[in-house]
């Protein structure tokens, strides 16, 4: 079992940046794909970004490509999401998730709120 805890969310003006962190415990994440998702109330959760266990494969939603960067530090059991050039439409609760084999994600964090003001 893997426990995931996100941090780093907050309120930022449009054009600003935030860095989300995901701390994993209970098991090393080095063998798992790590992903970030987001959800707005009343809408389905949507994929944002993912990184393979080796870091060799990264995947982004078209809406964030070129602005967001996913990274991981397996030695620290951490995953990150650097978000630049934020837009009001990026406002959502952001979730970290881990997958033994995509597309199914087995573990989820509790989420962190990101609010981008215009």
Protein backbone atom coordinates (compact mmCIF):
# COMPACT_ATOMS: atom_id res chain seq x y z
CA UNK A 1 0.00 0.00 0.00
CA UNK A 2 1.21 3.47 -0.87
CA UNK A 3 0.08 6.63 0.88
CA UNK A 4 0.31 9.84 -1.10
CA UNK A 5 0.16 13.35 0.31
CA UNK A 6 0.08 16.42 -1.91
CA UNK A 7 1.23 19.88 -0.91
CA UNK A 8 2.06 23.19 -2.53
CA UNK A 9 -1.35 24.30 -3.67
CA UNK A 10 -2.65 27.79 -3.07
CA UNK A 11 -3.88 31.01 -4.60
CA UNK A 12 -1.88 32.57 -7.41
CA UNK A 13 -2.50 35.24 -10.02
CA UNK A 14 -2.80 34.38 -13.67
CA UNK A 15 0.63 34.07 -15.21
CA UNK A 16 2.15 32.91 -11.95
CA UNK A 17 3.70 29.61 -10.94
CA UNK A 18 3.23 26.92 -8.36
CA UNK A 19 5.07 23.72 -7.61
CA UNK A 20 3.07 20.82 -6.29
CA UNK A 21 4.76 18.07 -4.34
CA UNK A 22 3.62 14.52 -3.71
CA UNK A 23 5.17 12.65 -0.82
CA UNK A 24 4.84 8.87 -0.92
CA UNK A 25 5.14 6.51 2.02
CA UNK A 26 4.52 2.87 2.78
CA UNK A 27 6.37 1.60 -0.25
CA UNK A 28 8.93 2.88 -2.71
CA UNK A 29 7.42 4.42 -5.84
CA UNK A 30 10.40 3.66 -8.01
CA UNK A 31 8.57 0.91 -9.85
CA UNK A 32 5.39 2.86 -10.49
CA UNK A 33 4.13 5.40 -12.93
CA UNK A 34 3.28 8.62 -11.13
CA UNK A 35 0.56 10.90 -12.39
CA UNK A 36 -1.23 14.12 -11.66
CA UNK A 37 -4.93 14.67 -12.18
CA UNK A 38 -7.28 17.55 -11.45
CA UNK A 39 -10.96 17.99 -10.79
CA UNK A 40 -13.33 20.90 -10.76
CA UNK A 41 -16.61 20.56 -8.81
CA UNK A 42 -19.31 19.16 -11.04
CA UNK A 43 -16.85 17.84 -13.60
CA UNK A 44 -15.02 14.59 -14.07
CA UNK A 45 -11.46 14.22 -12.91
CA UNK A 46 -9.07 14.80 -15.79
CA UNK A 47 -5.57 13.68 -16.55
CA UNK A 48 -2.85 16.32 -16.32
CA UNK A 49 0.52 14.60 -16.55
CA UNK A 50 2.31 11.31 -15.92
CA UNK A 51 5.84 10.02 -15.75
CA UNK A 52 6.98 6.42 -16.12
CA UNK A 53 8.89 4.67 -13.38
CA UNK A 54 12.24 5.35 -15.03
CA UNK A 55 11.44 8.94 -15.88
CA UNK A 56 12.02 8.13 -19.52
CA UNK A 57 8.44 8.67 -20.56
CA UNK A 58 6.42 11.78 -19.81
CA UNK A 59 2.90 12.51 -20.91
CA UNK A 60 0.85 15.68 -20.74
CA UNK A 61 -2.67 16.80 -21.43
CA UNK A 62 -2.78 19.16 -24.39
CA UNK A 63 -4.15 21.88 -22.14
CA UNK A 64 -0.99 21.98 -20.02
CA UNK A 65 1.69 21.01 -22.51
CA UNK A 66 4.50 23.54 -22.53
CA UNK A 67 3.42 25.05 -19.22
CA UNK A 68 3.54 22.17 -16.73
CA UNK A 69 6.44 19.83 -16.02
CA UNK A 70 6.23 16.58 -14.12
CA UNK A 71 9.25 15.20 -12.34
CA UNK A 72 10.13 12.64 -9.72
CA UNK A 73 12.85 11.83 -7.24
CA UNK A 74 12.72 8.11 -6.56
CA UNK A 75 15.41 8.36 -3.91
CA UNK A 76 13.21 10.73 -1.93
CA UNK A 77 9.98 8.94 -2.86
CA UNK A 78 8.62 12.19 -4.24
CA UNK A 79 6.83 13.41 -7.34
CA UNK A 80 6.39 17.00 -8.45
CA UNK A 81 4.35 19.12 -10.79
CA UNK A 82 5.83 22.47 -11.77
CA UNK A 83 3.08 24.71 -13.09
CA UNK A 84 4.01 27.87 -14.97
CA UNK A 85 1.98 30.46 -16.85
CA UNK A 86 -1.06 29.50 -14.85
CA UNK A 87 -4.49 30.37 -16.17
CA UNK A 88 -7.82 30.74 -14.35
CA UNK A 89 -8.99 27.56 -16.08
CA UNK A 90 -6.24 25.66 -14.26
CA UNK A 91 -8.18 26.19 -11.03
CA UNK A 92 -8.99 22.77 -9.58
CA UNK A 93 -8.15 20.27 -6.90
CA UNK A 94 -4.98 18.51 -7.99
CA UNK A 95 -4.40 14.87 -7.14
CA UNK A 96 -1.26 12.79 -7.17
CA UNK A 97 -1.65 9.15 -8.12
CA UNK A 98 0.48 6.05 -8.53
CA UNK A 99 0.00 3.19 -10.96
CA UNK A 100 1.46 -0.30 -11.04
CA UNK A 101 0.25 -0.56 -14.61
CA UNK A 102 -1.49 2.25 -16.44
CA UNK A 103 -4.14 3.20 -17.27
CA UNK A 104 -5.32 2.03 -13.84
CA UNK A 105 -4.07 4.13 -10.94
CA UNK A 106 -3.95 2.22 -7.67
CA UNK A 107 -3.21 4.93 -5.11
CA UNK A 108 -4.46 8.49 -4.76
CA UNK A 109 -3.69 11.42 -2.54
CA UNK A 110 -6.27 13.58 -0.85
CA UNK A 111 -5.76 16.49 -3.23
CA UNK A 112 -4.54 20.05 -2.97
CA UNK A 113 -6.48 23.12 -4.09
CA UNK A 114 -5.02 25.36 -6.77
CA UNK A 115 -6.82 28.62 -7.43
CA UNK A 116 -5.73 30.98 -10.19
CA UNK A 117 -7.21 34.45 -10.10
CA UNK A 118 -7.63 36.57 -13.21
